[in-house]
PDB file of all heavy atoms in Angstrom:
ATOM      1  N   ILE A   1       6.540  -1.294  -4.969  1.00  0.00           N
ATOM      2  CA  ILE A   1       6.259  -0.622  -3.597  1.00  0.00           C
ATOM      3  C   ILE A   1       6.682   0.846  -3.775  1.00  0.00           C
ATOM      4  O   ILE A   1       5.996   1.730  -3.261  1.00  0.00           O
ATOM      5  CB  ILE A   1       6.977  -1.344  -2.489  1.00  0.00           C
ATOM      6  CG1 ILE A   1       6.280  -2.674  -2.257  1.00  0.00           C
ATOM      7  CG2 ILE A   1       6.988  -0.479  -1.224  1.00  0.00           C
ATOM      8  CD1 ILE A   1       7.065  -3.590  -1.288  1.00  0.00           C
ATOM      9  N   ALA A   2       7.731   1.129  -4.490  1.00  0.00           N
ATOM     10  CA  ALA A   2       8.265   2.511  -4.631  1.00  0.00           C
ATOM     11  C   ALA A   2       7.301   3.360  -5.434  1.00  0.00           C
ATOM     12  O   ALA A   2       7.328   4.590  -5.315  1.00  0.00           O
ATOM     13  CB  ALA A   2       9.607   2.500  -5.328  1.00  0.00           C
ATOM     14  N   THR A   3       6.295   2.780  -6.171  1.00  0.00           N
ATOM     15  CA  THR A   3       5.302   3.603  -6.894  1.00  0.00           C
ATOM     16  C   THR A   3       4.144   4.039  -6.060  1.00  0.00           C
ATOM     17  O   THR A   3       3.372   4.950  -6.474  1.00  0.00           O
ATOM     18  CB  THR A   3       4.751   2.797  -8.127  1.00  0.00           C
ATOM     19  OG1 THR A   3       3.962   1.662  -7.653  1.00  0.00           O
ATOM     20  CG2 THR A   3       5.860   2.342  -8.997  1.00  0.00           C
ATOM     21  N   HIS A   4       3.971   3.505  -4.899  1.00  0.00           N
ATOM     22  CA  HIS A   4       2.755   3.724  -4.076  1.00  0.00           C
ATOM     23  C   HIS A   4       2.723   5.162  -3.574  1.00  0.00           C
ATOM     24  O   HIS A   4       1.666   5.817  -3.642  1.00  0.00           O
ATOM     25  CB  HIS A   4       2.685   2.721  -2.908  1.00  0.00           C
ATOM     26  CG  HIS A   4       2.566   1.331  -3.385  1.00  0.00           C
ATOM     27  ND1 HIS A   4       2.661   0.247  -2.491  1.00  0.00           N
ATOM     28  CD2 HIS A   4       2.436   0.773  -4.648  1.00  0.00           C
ATOM     29  CE1 HIS A   4       2.537  -0.851  -3.195  1.00  0.00           C
ATOM     30  NE2 HIS A   4       2.399  -0.592  -4.469  1.00  0.00           N
ATOM     31  N   ARG A   5       3.729   5.656  -2.953  1.00  0.00           N
ATOM     32  CA  ARG A   5       3.678   7.068  -2.420  1.00  0.00           C
ATOM     33  C   ARG A   5       3.448   8.042  -3.565  1.00  0.00           C
ATOM     34  O   ARG A   5       2.583   8.912  -3.375  1.00  0.00           O
ATOM     35  CB  ARG A   5       4.943   7.352  -1.618  1.00  0.00           C
ATOM     36  CG  ARG A   5       4.838   8.736  -0.972  1.00  0.00           C
ATOM     37  CD  ARG A   5       5.814   9.006   0.156  1.00  0.00           C
ATOM     38  NE  ARG A   5       5.605   8.092   1.302  1.00  0.00           N
ATOM     39  CZ  ARG A   5       4.628   8.232   2.185  1.00  0.00           C
ATOM     40  NH1 ARG A   5       3.772   9.227   2.120  1.00  0.00           N
ATOM     41  NH2 ARG A   5       4.524   7.392   3.173  1.00  0.00           N
ATOM     42  N   PRO A   6       4.176   8.031  -4.633  1.00  0.00           N
ATOM     43  CA  PRO A   6       3.904   8.998  -5.715  1.00  0.00           C
ATOM     44  C   PRO A   6       2.491   8.881  -6.272  1.00  0.00           C
ATOM     45  O   PRO A   6       1.869   9.895  -6.575  1.00  0.00           O
ATOM     46  CB  PRO A   6       4.936   8.628  -6.798  1.00  0.00           C
ATOM     47  CG  PRO A   6       5.981   7.957  -6.114  1.00  0.00           C
ATOM     48  CD  PRO A   6       5.398   7.213  -4.934  1.00  0.00           C
ATOM     49  N   MET A   7       1.914   7.636  -6.287  1.00  0.00           N
ATOM     50  CA  MET A   7       0.576   7.446  -6.735  1.00  0.00           C
ATOM     51  C   MET A   7      -0.398   8.209  -5.831  1.00  0.00           C
ATOM     52  O   MET A   7      -1.308   8.867  -6.267  1.00  0.00           O
ATOM     53  CB  MET A   7       0.216   5.956  -6.847  1.00  0.00           C
ATOM     54  CG  MET A   7      -1.143   5.629  -7.270  1.00  0.00           C
ATOM     55  SD  MET A   7      -1.332   3.820  -7.244  1.00  0.00           S
ATOM     56  CE  MET A   7      -2.968   3.659  -7.891  1.00  0.00           C
ATOM     57  N   ARG A   8      -0.154   8.010  -4.544  1.00  0.00           N
ATOM     58  CA  ARG A   8      -1.028   8.624  -3.511  1.00  0.00           C
ATOM     59  C   ARG A   8      -0.888  10.151  -3.527  1.00  0.00           C
ATOM     60  O   ARG A   8      -1.866  10.893  -3.497  1.00  0.00           O
ATOM     61  CB  ARG A   8      -0.639   8.084  -2.132  1.00  0.00           C
ATOM     62  CG  ARG A   8      -1.276   8.688  -0.935  1.00  0.00           C
ATOM     63  CD  ARG A   8      -2.757   8.389  -0.894  1.00  0.00           C
ATOM     64  NE  ARG A   8      -3.365   9.124   0.195  1.00  0.00           N
ATOM     65  CZ  ARG A   8      -4.515   8.833   0.751  1.00  0.00           C
ATOM     66  NH1 ARG A   8      -5.201   7.873   0.136  1.00  0.00           N
ATOM     67  NH2 ARG A   8      -5.002   9.460   1.735  1.00  0.00           N
ATOM     68  N   GLU A   9       0.380  10.598  -3.608  1.00  0.00           N
ATOM     69  CA  GLU A   9       0.631  12.074  -3.541  1.00  0.00           C
ATOM     70  C   GLU A   9       0.063  12.776  -4.806  1.00  0.00           C
ATOM     71  O   GLU A   9      -0.334  13.972  -4.721  1.00  0.00           O
ATOM     72  CB  GLU A   9       2.129  12.267  -3.352  1.00  0.00           C
ATOM     73  CG  GLU A   9       2.590  11.922  -1.999  1.00  0.00           C
ATOM     74  CD  GLU A   9       4.069  12.086  -1.774  1.00  0.00           C
ATOM     75  OE1 GLU A   9       4.812  12.330  -2.805  1.00  0.00           O
ATOM     76  OE2 GLU A   9       4.552  11.909  -0.622  1.00  0.00           O
ATOM     77  N   SER A  10      -0.024  12.085  -5.940  1.00  0.00           N
ATOM     78  CA  SER A  10      -0.556  12.716  -7.161  1.00  0.00           C
ATOM     79  C   SER A  10      -2.097  12.644  -7.183  1.00  0.00           C
ATOM     80  O   SER A  10      -2.665  13.244  -8.075  1.00  0.00           O
ATOM     81  CB  SER A  10       0.007  12.056  -8.367  1.00  0.00           C
ATOM     82  OG  SER A  10      -0.574  10.764  -8.455  1.00  0.00           O
ATOM     83  N   GLY A  11      -2.712  11.943  -6.249  1.00  0.00           N
ATOM     84  CA  GLY A  11      -4.110  11.834  -6.212  1.00  0.00           C
ATOM     85  C   GLY A  11      -4.677  10.697  -7.121  1.00  0.00           C
ATOM     86  O   GLY A  11      -5.911  10.617  -7.285  1.00  0.00           O
ATOM     87  N   GLU A  12      -3.806   9.913  -7.658  1.00  0.00           N
ATOM     88  CA  GLU A  12      -4.245   8.848  -8.584  1.00  0.00           C
ATOM     89  C   GLU A  12      -4.836   7.677  -7.817  1.00  0.00           C
ATOM     90  O   GLU A  12      -5.573   6.859  -8.446  1.00  0.00           O
ATOM     91  CB  GLU A  12      -3.084   8.298  -9.423  1.00  0.00           C
ATOM     92  CG  GLU A  12      -2.467   9.328 -10.375  1.00  0.00           C
ATOM     93  CD  GLU A  12      -1.208   8.820 -11.060  1.00  0.00           C
ATOM     94  OE1 GLU A  12      -1.179   7.663 -11.487  1.00  0.00           O
ATOM     95  OE2 GLU A  12      -0.271   9.634 -11.084  1.00  0.00           O
ATOM     96  N   GLY A  13      -4.525   7.467  -6.549  1.00  0.00           N
ATOM     97  CA  GLY A  13      -5.110   6.367  -5.829  1.00  0.00           C
ATOM     98  C   GLY A  13      -4.178   5.890  -4.753  1.00  0.00           C
ATOM     99  O   GLY A  13      -3.216   6.610  -4.377  1.00  0.00           O
ATOM    100  N   LEU A  14      -4.490   4.775  -4.238  1.00  0.00           N
ATOM    101  CA  LEU A  14      -3.654   4.234  -3.184  1.00  0.00           C
ATOM    102  C   LEU A  14      -3.592   2.664  -3.293  1.00  0.00           C
ATOM    103  O   LEU A  14      -4.508   2.041  -3.795  1.00  0.00           O
ATOM    104  CB  LEU A  14      -4.143   4.609  -1.833  1.00  0.00           C
ATOM    105  CG  LEU A  14      -5.487   3.996  -1.293  1.00  0.00           C
ATOM    106  CD1 LEU A  14      -5.444   3.914   0.212  1.00  0.00           C
ATOM    107  CD2 LEU A  14      -6.591   4.926  -1.771  1.00  0.00           C
ATOM    108  N   VAL A  15      -2.470   2.091  -2.759  1.00  0.00           N
ATOM    109  CA  VAL A  15      -2.293   0.690  -2.691  1.00  0.00           C
ATOM    110  C   VAL A  15      -1.888   0.409  -1.242  1.00  0.00           C
ATOM    111  O   VAL A  15      -0.943   1.068  -0.698  1.00  0.00           O
ATOM    112  CB  VAL A  15      -1.157   0.177  -3.642  1.00  0.00           C
ATOM    113  CG1 VAL A  15      -0.960  -1.292  -3.496  1.00  0.00           C
ATOM    114  CG2 VAL A  15      -1.542   0.527  -5.106  1.00  0.00           C
ATOM    115  N   LEU A  16      -2.505  -0.571  -0.582  1.00  0.00           N
ATOM    116  CA  LEU A  16      -2.247  -0.944   0.761  1.00  0.00           C
ATOM    117  C   LEU A  16      -1.988  -2.418   0.902  1.00  0.00           C
ATOM    118  O   LEU A  16      -2.589  -3.244   0.176  1.00  0.00           O
ATOM    119  CB  LEU A  16      -3.399  -0.494   1.634  1.00  0.00           C
ATOM    120  CG  LEU A  16      -3.760   0.966   1.641  1.00  0.00           C
ATOM    121  CD1 LEU A  16      -5.091   1.247   2.329  1.00  0.00           C
ATOM    122  CD2 LEU A  16      -2.653   1.782   2.288  1.00  0.00           C
ATOM    123  N   ALA A  17      -1.228  -2.771   1.890  1.00  0.00           N
ATOM    124  CA  ALA A  17      -0.927  -4.176   2.233  1.00  0.00           C
ATOM    125  C   ALA A  17      -2.144  -4.637   3.094  1.00  0.00           C
ATOM    126  O   ALA A  17      -2.581  -3.985   3.991  1.00  0.00           O
ATOM    127  CB  ALA A  17       0.350  -4.260   3.034  1.00  0.00           C
ATOM    128  N   MET A  18      -2.610  -5.846   2.796  1.00  0.00           N
ATOM    129  CA  MET A  18      -3.534  -6.540   3.648  1.00  0.00           C
ATOM    130  C   MET A  18      -2.627  -7.306   4.681  1.00  0.00           C
ATOM    131  O   MET A  18      -1.862  -8.146   4.247  1.00  0.00           O
ATOM    132  CB  MET A  18      -4.345  -7.601   2.910  1.00  0.00           C
ATOM    133  CG  MET A  18      -5.459  -7.097   2.073  1.00  0.00           C
ATOM    134  SD  MET A  18      -6.349  -8.572   1.400  1.00  0.00           S
ATOM    135  CE  MET A  18      -6.722  -7.898  -0.220  1.00  0.00           C
ATOM    136  N   THR A  19      -2.796  -7.038   5.984  1.00  0.00           N
ATOM    137  CA  THR A  19      -1.987  -7.690   6.888  1.00  0.00           C
ATOM    138  C   THR A  19      -2.795  -8.300   8.063  1.00  0.00           C
ATOM    139  O   THR A  19      -3.904  -7.797   8.381  1.00  0.00           O
ATOM    140  CB  THR A  19      -0.918  -6.721   7.527  1.00  0.00           C
ATOM    141  OG1 THR A  19      -1.632  -5.727   8.307  1.00  0.00           O
ATOM    142  CG2 THR A  19      -0.088  -6.045   6.437  1.00  0.00           C
ATOM    143  N   THR A  20      -2.329  -9.419   8.653  1.00  0.00           N
ATOM    144  CA  THR A  20      -2.901  -9.983   9.833  1.00  0.00           C
ATOM    145  C   THR A  20      -1.868  -9.914  10.948  1.00  0.00           C
ATOM    146  O   THR A  20      -0.635  -9.845  10.631  1.00  0.00           O
ATOM    147  CB  THR A  20      -3.368 -11.457   9.644  1.00  0.00           C
ATOM    148  OG1 THR A  20      -2.225 -12.252   9.514  1.00  0.00           O
ATOM    149  CG2 THR A  20      -4.277 -11.529   8.435  1.00  0.00           C
ATOM    150  N   VAL A  21      -2.249 -10.019  12.164  1.00  0.00           N
ATOM    151  CA  VAL A  21      -1.316 -10.031  13.314  1.00  0.00           C
ATOM    152  C   VAL A  21      -0.404 -11.258  13.194  1.00  0.00           C
ATOM    153  O   VAL A  21       0.772 -11.148  13.407  1.00  0.00           O
ATOM    154  CB  VAL A  21      -2.135  -9.983  14.697  1.00  0.00           C
ATOM    155  CG1 VAL A  21      -1.180 -10.281  15.813  1.00  0.00           C
ATOM    156  CG2 VAL A  21      -2.819  -8.752  14.813  1.00  0.00           C
ATOM    157  N   ASP A  22      -0.967 -12.439  12.833  1.00  0.00           N
ATOM    158  CA  ASP A  22      -0.156 -13.664  12.887  1.00  0.00           C
ATOM    159  C   ASP A  22       0.683 -13.849  11.654  1.00  0.00           C
ATOM    160  O   ASP A  22       1.808 -14.379  11.733  1.00  0.00           O
ATOM    161  CB  ASP A  22      -1.113 -14.838  13.039  1.00  0.00           C
ATOM    162  CG  ASP A  22      -1.742 -14.930  14.392  1.00  0.00           C
ATOM    163  OD1 ASP A  22      -1.196 -14.375  15.331  1.00  0.00           O
ATOM    164  OD2 ASP A  22      -2.818 -15.508  14.427  1.00  0.00           O
ATOM    165  N   ASP A  23       0.170 -13.417  10.488  1.00  0.00           N
ATOM    166  CA  ASP A  23       0.890 -13.730   9.241  1.00  0.00           C
ATOM    167  C   ASP A  23       1.541 -12.537   8.559  1.00  0.00           C
ATOM    168  O   ASP A  23       2.255 -12.731   7.535  1.00  0.00           O
ATOM    169  CB  ASP A  23      -0.139 -14.361   8.227  1.00  0.00           C
ATOM    170  CG  ASP A  23      -0.577 -15.744   8.706  1.00  0.00           C
ATOM    171  OD1 ASP A  23       0.166 -16.537   9.116  1.00  0.00           O
ATOM    172  OD2 ASP A  23      -1.889 -15.837   8.789  1.00  0.00           O
ATOM    173  N   GLY A  24       1.358 -11.352   8.953  1.00  0.00           N
ATOM    174  CA  GLY A  24       1.899 -10.213   8.298  1.00  0.00           C
ATOM    175  C   GLY A  24       1.159  -9.995   6.976  1.00  0.00           C
ATOM    176  O   GLY A  24      -0.074 -10.117   6.886  1.00  0.00           O
ATOM    177  N   VAL A  25       1.928  -9.717   5.943  1.00  0.00           N
ATOM    178  CA  VAL A  25       1.268  -9.417   4.611  1.00  0.00           C
ATOM    179  C   VAL A  25       0.625 -10.700   4.057  1.00  0.00           C
ATOM    180  O   VAL A  25       1.281 -11.688   3.901  1.00  0.00           O
ATOM    181  CB  VAL A  25       2.317  -8.844   3.596  1.00  0.00           C
ATOM    182  CG1 VAL A  25       1.654  -8.644   2.241  1.00  0.00           C
ATOM    183  CG2 VAL A  25       2.817  -7.497   4.146  1.00  0.00           C
ATOM    184  N   VAL A  26      -0.662 -10.588   3.719  1.00  0.00           N
ATOM    185  CA  VAL A  26      -1.361 -11.728   3.068  1.00  0.00           C
ATOM    186  C   VAL A  26      -1.845 -11.377   1.684  1.00  0.00           C
ATOM    187  O   VAL A  26      -2.330 -12.247   0.943  1.00  0.00           O
ATOM    188  CB  VAL A  26      -2.500 -12.203   3.931  1.00  0.00           C
ATOM    189  CG1 VAL A  26      -2.053 -12.707   5.268  1.00  0.00           C
ATOM    190  CG2 VAL A  26      -3.659 -11.167   4.108  1.00  0.00           C
TER     191      VAL A  26
END
């Protein structure tokens, strides 16, 4: 998880959580 912001800020890409209202992260 700590790698996600630097990846985004460098322009290399992005990683996102898939979440639902009932279950949270899926």
